[in-house]
Every structure is written in structure tokens, then in C-alpha cells.
Protein backbone atom coordinates (compact mmCIF):
# COMPACT_ATOMS: atom_id res chain seq x y z
CA MET A 1 149.33 108.53 102.48
CA ILE A 2 146.25 109.05 104.66
CA GLU A 3 145.77 107.57 108.10
CA LEU A 4 143.06 104.98 108.59
CA ASN A 5 139.93 106.72 109.84
CA SER A 6 138.74 103.90 112.06
CA THR A 7 140.02 101.74 114.87
CA ASN A 8 137.61 99.02 113.79
CA THR A 9 139.67 96.28 112.09
CA LYS A 10 136.78 94.14 110.92
CA ALA A 11 137.29 92.77 107.41
CA ILE A 12 134.36 93.82 105.23
CA VAL A 13 135.63 91.96 102.12
CA VAL A 14 137.58 88.70 102.25
CA ILE A 15 138.93 87.02 99.10
CA LYS A 16 140.69 83.68 99.56
CA ASP A 17 142.71 81.70 97.01
CA LEU A 18 140.87 83.20 94.03
CA LYS A 19 141.65 81.52 90.72
CA LYS A 20 140.41 82.49 87.28
CA SER A 21 141.61 81.45 83.83
CA PHE A 22 140.45 82.21 80.33
CA GLY A 23 141.40 79.23 78.25
CA GLU A 24 145.10 78.64 78.86
CA ASN A 25 145.60 82.18 80.19
CA CYS A 26 145.74 82.01 84.00
CA VAL A 27 144.89 85.52 85.24
CA LEU A 28 144.39 84.94 88.96
CA ASP A 29 146.30 82.08 90.55
CA GLY A 30 145.47 82.08 94.24
CA PHE A 31 144.84 85.77 94.92
CA ASN A 32 144.02 86.85 98.49
CA LEU A 33 142.66 90.14 99.78
CA GLU A 34 141.15 91.60 102.93
CA LEU A 35 139.50 95.01 102.97
CA PHE A 36 138.93 96.48 106.42
CA GLN A 37 136.20 98.80 107.61
CA GLY A 38 136.99 102.43 106.81
CA GLU A 39 140.07 101.56 104.73
CA ASN A 40 141.28 102.73 101.33
CA LEU A 41 143.03 99.72 99.79
CA VAL A 42 144.94 100.29 96.55
CA VAL A 43 145.50 97.36 94.19
CA MET A 44 148.27 97.95 91.65
CA GLY A 45 149.28 95.71 88.81
CA LYS A 46 150.42 95.84 85.22
CA SER A 47 147.89 96.02 82.40
CA GLY A 48 146.34 92.59 82.01
CA SER A 49 147.46 91.45 85.44
CA GLY A 50 143.90 90.63 86.56
CA LYS A 51 142.84 93.72 88.54
CA SER A 52 139.59 94.20 86.65
CA VAL A 53 138.87 90.46 86.63
CA MET A 54 139.23 90.43 90.41
CA ILE A 55 136.73 93.28 90.74
CA LYS A 56 134.27 91.55 88.39
CA CYS A 57 134.50 88.37 90.47
CA LEU A 58 133.96 90.44 93.61
CA ILE A 59 130.63 91.83 92.40
CA GLY A 60 129.50 88.61 90.71
CA LEU A 61 129.96 89.61 87.07
CA GLU A 62 132.56 86.87 86.55
CA GLU A 63 132.45 83.43 88.13
CA PRO A 64 135.83 82.35 89.54
CA ASP A 65 137.18 78.88 88.83
CA SER A 66 137.80 78.36 92.53
CA GLY A 67 138.31 80.24 95.78
CA SER A 68 135.90 82.15 97.99
CA ILE A 69 134.64 85.73 98.18
CA GLU A 70 132.81 87.14 101.19
CA VAL A 71 131.30 90.63 101.15
CA MET A 72 129.99 91.90 104.49
CA GLY A 73 129.97 88.33 105.77
CA LYS A 74 128.04 86.91 102.80
CA ASP A 75 129.47 84.24 100.49
CA ILE A 76 128.95 85.51 96.94
CA LYS A 77 128.68 81.97 95.55
CA GLN A 78 125.82 81.08 97.87
CA LEU A 79 123.62 84.09 97.07
CA SER A 80 120.54 83.93 94.89
CA ARG A 81 120.25 86.41 92.02
CA GLU A 82 117.88 88.54 94.09
CA ALA A 83 120.16 88.47 97.14
CA LEU A 84 123.18 89.34 94.98
CA ASP A 85 121.35 92.33 93.47
CA GLU A 86 120.42 93.48 96.97
CA LEU A 87 124.04 93.20 98.10
CA ARG A 88 125.18 95.23 95.09
CA THR A 89 123.20 98.21 96.38
CA GLU A 90 125.75 98.35 99.22
CA VAL A 91 128.67 98.38 96.76
CA GLY A 92 129.25 101.53 94.70
CA PHE A 93 131.34 101.41 91.53
CA LEU A 94 133.08 104.40 89.96
CA PHE A 95 133.77 103.50 86.34
CA GLN A 96 136.95 104.64 84.61
CA GLY A 97 135.01 106.56 81.97
CA SER A 98 132.39 107.88 84.44
CA ALA A 99 129.65 106.06 82.43
CA LEU A 100 127.06 108.82 82.66
CA TYR A 101 123.97 108.48 80.50
CA ASP A 102 124.43 111.10 77.75
CA SER A 103 120.71 111.51 77.13
CA MET A 104 119.98 112.24 80.80
CA SER A 105 120.60 115.43 82.77
CA VAL A 106 122.78 115.34 85.87
CA ARG A 107 119.65 115.15 87.98
CA GLU A 108 118.25 112.25 85.95
CA ASN A 109 121.58 110.41 86.14
CA LEU A 110 121.47 110.61 89.93
CA GLU A 111 117.78 109.70 90.12
CA PHE A 112 118.29 106.58 87.98
CA PRO A 113 119.70 104.31 90.74
CA LEU A 114 117.07 105.56 93.20
CA ARG A 115 114.30 104.53 90.83
CA ARG A 116 115.90 101.15 90.17
CA HIS A 117 116.40 100.24 93.83
CA THR A 118 113.01 100.97 95.33
CA LYS A 119 113.36 97.99 97.67
CA LYS A 120 116.14 99.81 99.54
CA PHE A 121 114.64 103.29 99.60
CA GLY A 122 110.98 102.77 98.75
CA VAL A 123 109.23 104.97 96.19
CA ILE A 124 110.59 108.49 96.64
CA LYS A 125 108.17 111.17 95.52
CA ASP A 126 110.64 114.02 95.81
CA THR A 127 114.23 113.05 95.01
CA THR A 128 115.53 116.64 95.19
CA PRO A 129 116.94 116.46 98.76
CA LEU A 130 118.92 113.27 98.01
CA VAL A 131 120.17 114.60 94.68
CA MET A 132 121.26 117.88 96.26
CA GLU A 133 122.99 116.11 99.14
CA ALA A 134 124.98 113.95 96.73
CA LEU A 135 125.91 116.90 94.51
CA GLU A 136 126.95 118.99 97.49
CA SER A 137 129.19 116.13 98.64
CA VAL A 138 131.19 116.48 95.43
CA GLY A 139 131.05 120.27 95.27
CA LEU A 140 128.76 120.52 92.23
CA ALA A 141 125.41 121.61 93.63
CA ASN A 142 124.86 124.00 90.71
CA THR A 143 125.02 121.36 87.97
CA MET A 144 121.69 119.60 88.55
CA ASN A 145 120.13 120.63 85.24
CA LEU A 146 123.22 120.34 83.04
CA MET A 147 123.76 117.61 80.45
CA PRO A 148 126.90 115.43 80.46
CA ASN A 149 128.23 117.12 77.30
CA GLU A 150 128.29 120.40 79.23
CA LEU A 151 130.66 118.98 81.85
CA SER A 152 134.45 118.77 81.89
CA GLY A 153 136.18 115.44 82.42
CA GLY A 154 136.78 116.18 86.08
CA MET A 155 133.17 117.27 86.59
CA LYS A 156 131.92 114.05 84.98
CA ARG A 157 134.06 112.04 87.38
CA ARG A 158 132.59 113.99 90.32
CA ILE A 159 129.03 113.48 89.09
CA ALA A 160 129.72 109.76 88.68
CA LEU A 161 130.91 109.69 92.28
CA ALA A 162 127.78 111.57 93.37
CA ARG A 163 125.66 108.94 91.59
CA THR A 164 127.55 106.28 93.52
CA LEU A 165 127.13 108.08 96.86
CA ILE A 166 123.39 108.61 96.44
CA LEU A 167 122.79 104.93 97.30
CA LYS A 168 124.87 105.39 100.47
CA PRO A 169 127.08 102.33 99.82
CA LYS A 170 129.25 100.77 102.50
CA ILE A 171 131.92 99.83 99.92
CA ILE A 172 133.15 101.79 96.90
CA LEU A 173 135.18 100.30 94.05
CA TYR A 174 137.22 102.80 92.03
CA ASP A 175 138.52 101.79 88.59
CA GLU A 176 141.50 104.00 87.64
CA PRO A 177 139.93 107.17 89.12
CA THR A 178 142.56 109.55 87.71
CA THR A 179 142.95 108.14 84.18
CA GLY A 180 142.56 110.78 81.48
CA LEU A 181 142.63 113.71 83.89
CA ASP A 182 145.24 116.46 84.07
CA PRO A 183 147.45 116.56 87.21
CA ILE A 184 145.50 119.34 88.93
CA THR A 185 142.11 117.70 88.33
CA SER A 186 143.54 114.33 89.38
CA LYS A 187 144.62 115.79 92.70
CA GLU A 188 141.18 117.33 93.20
CA ILE A 189 139.51 113.96 92.58
CA LEU A 190 141.87 112.24 95.03
CA MET A 191 141.20 114.86 97.70
CA LEU A 192 137.49 114.32 97.13
CA MET A 193 137.91 110.56 97.58
CA VAL A 194 139.74 111.18 100.87
CA SER A 195 136.92 113.50 101.95
CA VAL A 196 134.31 110.85 101.09
CA GLN A 197 136.19 108.24 103.12
CA LYS A 198 136.34 110.50 106.17
CA LYS A 199 132.74 111.73 105.90
CA TYR A 200 131.03 108.40 105.24
CA ASN A 201 133.62 105.95 106.69
CA THR A 202 133.45 104.01 103.43
CA SER A 203 135.66 101.02 102.69
CA SER A 204 137.20 101.30 99.23
CA ILE A 205 139.23 99.27 96.78
CA ILE A 206 141.06 101.49 94.30
CA ILE A 207 142.51 99.99 91.12
CA THR A 208 145.23 102.24 89.76
CA HIS A 209 148.57 102.37 88.00
CA ASP A 210 149.15 105.94 89.27
CA VAL A 211 151.90 105.99 91.91
CA ASP A 212 150.92 109.50 93.04
CA CYS A 213 147.35 108.30 93.52
CA ALA A 214 148.55 105.40 95.65
CA ARG A 215 150.79 107.67 97.71
CA MET A 216 148.04 110.16 98.43
CA ILE A 217 145.05 107.95 99.05
CA SER A 218 146.12 104.53 100.29
CA ASN A 219 146.03 103.21 103.81
CA ARG A 220 147.46 99.98 102.45
CA MET A 221 148.49 98.57 99.09
CA ILE A 222 148.51 95.21 97.33
CA LEU A 223 150.74 94.54 94.33
CA LEU A 224 149.13 92.00 92.00
CA ILE A 225 151.96 90.13 90.26
CA ASP A 226 151.79 86.73 88.55
CA GLY A 227 148.18 86.28 89.61
CA ILE A 228 148.76 86.59 93.33
CA ASN A 229 148.92 89.27 96.01
CA TYR A 230 152.70 89.33 95.65
CA ALA A 231 153.37 92.12 98.15
CA GLU A 232 151.28 94.03 100.69
CA GLY A 233 151.90 96.95 103.00
CA THR A 234 151.82 100.70 103.32
CA PHE A 235 153.11 102.86 100.50
CA GLU A 236 156.27 103.67 102.46
CA ALA A 237 156.95 100.02 103.29
CA LEU A 238 156.64 98.91 99.66
CA LEU A 239 158.61 101.92 98.42
CA SER A 240 161.55 100.87 100.61
CA SER A 241 161.41 97.21 99.53
CA LYS A 242 164.57 95.75 97.97
CA ASP A 243 162.59 93.25 95.88
CA PRO A 244 163.18 94.07 92.17
CA LYS A 245 159.57 93.19 91.26
CA VAL A 246 158.28 95.60 93.88
CA GLN A 247 160.80 98.32 93.00
CA ALA A 248 159.62 98.22 89.36
CA PHE A 249 156.30 99.81 90.40
CA PHE A 250 158.02 102.92 91.77
CA LYS A 251 160.49 103.68 88.97
């Protein structure tokens, strides 16, 4: 487990009493979460427990049935479409499958968000310095002109992270960052995530089922069980819990 890289305890994301059902299937039933500045918060839960639904509600892709979500002090429900899009430029998302555009080179993949969000950065005539900075941050400065099909799985994950970092987000959401990677590559990705946190003081929510990932990267953990934040604490605190539902995550 890493130590929190900031003494600032300001909550940058606050979710209160979040409820979301699909028909008769209640996925979230009063879920609460606080993400603090500079923190890596791991959310663990079984498949279908509502982790992805929670993230979609957080970034406005799903509308909750009730509850409140504040991101950097702004109530998601009260934002206009334009204001929500502007807020999303401050929230990076690392997709489970990397989600690179196959028809674009690495450079073009990284330039894409810059060209879409001209309101934040203006029209950039020469994107090379920003692209190089992002690639250097993930240790792949020599891949600028490669195509996605020329990259390994681990390299794709790094490039996807570089594409996220190029917008200089204050918050990063990671969806199963080690899924499909071998143990050595998984460890490299986790070390990179720790490096990003320290370098940029990002606040991150990491969805994972990987206990080793949680051990290595978390400042704090939330176990999502039965639609609620059933248990919270450091990895060590939850590991030593006598609660059978909590123990099941570490067996």
C-alpha cells in the first residue's frame, strides 16, 4: 500500500445515498463515497455489484434514481450539458480495453482529445511538445508513429494512460487497469499509476477485483456489497477484519 501523497484532506468527489435500479434489479441502494485530494481509492466488488454503474453515474452517463454526486464542488444534476462536458475534461478515464482508435497512430490518438477540447487548451498549432510530454510520462517516447496493432497489451494500456494525462485531469478513473495483463506487466502498470499519482497529485478511483492491485496502489478501499459501501478502510485494516463478507475478498 502507498502512503497518501498529500496532507490536504479536501474531498474532491462526494457521493451520497446513491440509488440506481434497472427494472426490479436494485444495483446501488444507498451507496456513499468520498474521494480526497491526492488519494488513490480502490472500489472492489463482485461482478455485477454496481461498480461500473457507479462510475457511469459519476460522469453523467447514467442518471441515478436518487442521491447526490458532487465533483470538485459541482452538483452533477444541476449542470447543463455544456457545463458537464467542461467538467469531464477534468476527469480522465482509463478504459479496461484501452479503447485506442485502431485507424489512428499513437500520435493521432493523443492529439484527438486536444482537438476536441479546444475550449480548455485553445487551438494548438504544434501538439508535439504535449504529445511527447505525455508519452515520456509513461515511458514510451519512441512510439509516437506506431499504430495500435504494433503495440503489446501493456503498451496499449500505457498509451491509453498517456492519452488521459494529456488533458491534465485532476481526477482519473481506472476501470480494471490490470485485466488481461500478465503479472509482470500488471506490476509495471501499477507502478506507473503510483508514479502518476506522485508526479501530478491526481485523485483516482480504481475499480478492480485484483487483490494485489489493491494492496499495491490503494491509500484506502471501499468494498461494494449489496449496493452499499459495506466496508471502508486501508488494505491492512480490511484484511484483518473478522467479517465473513469482508474476508471473502481476500481468500
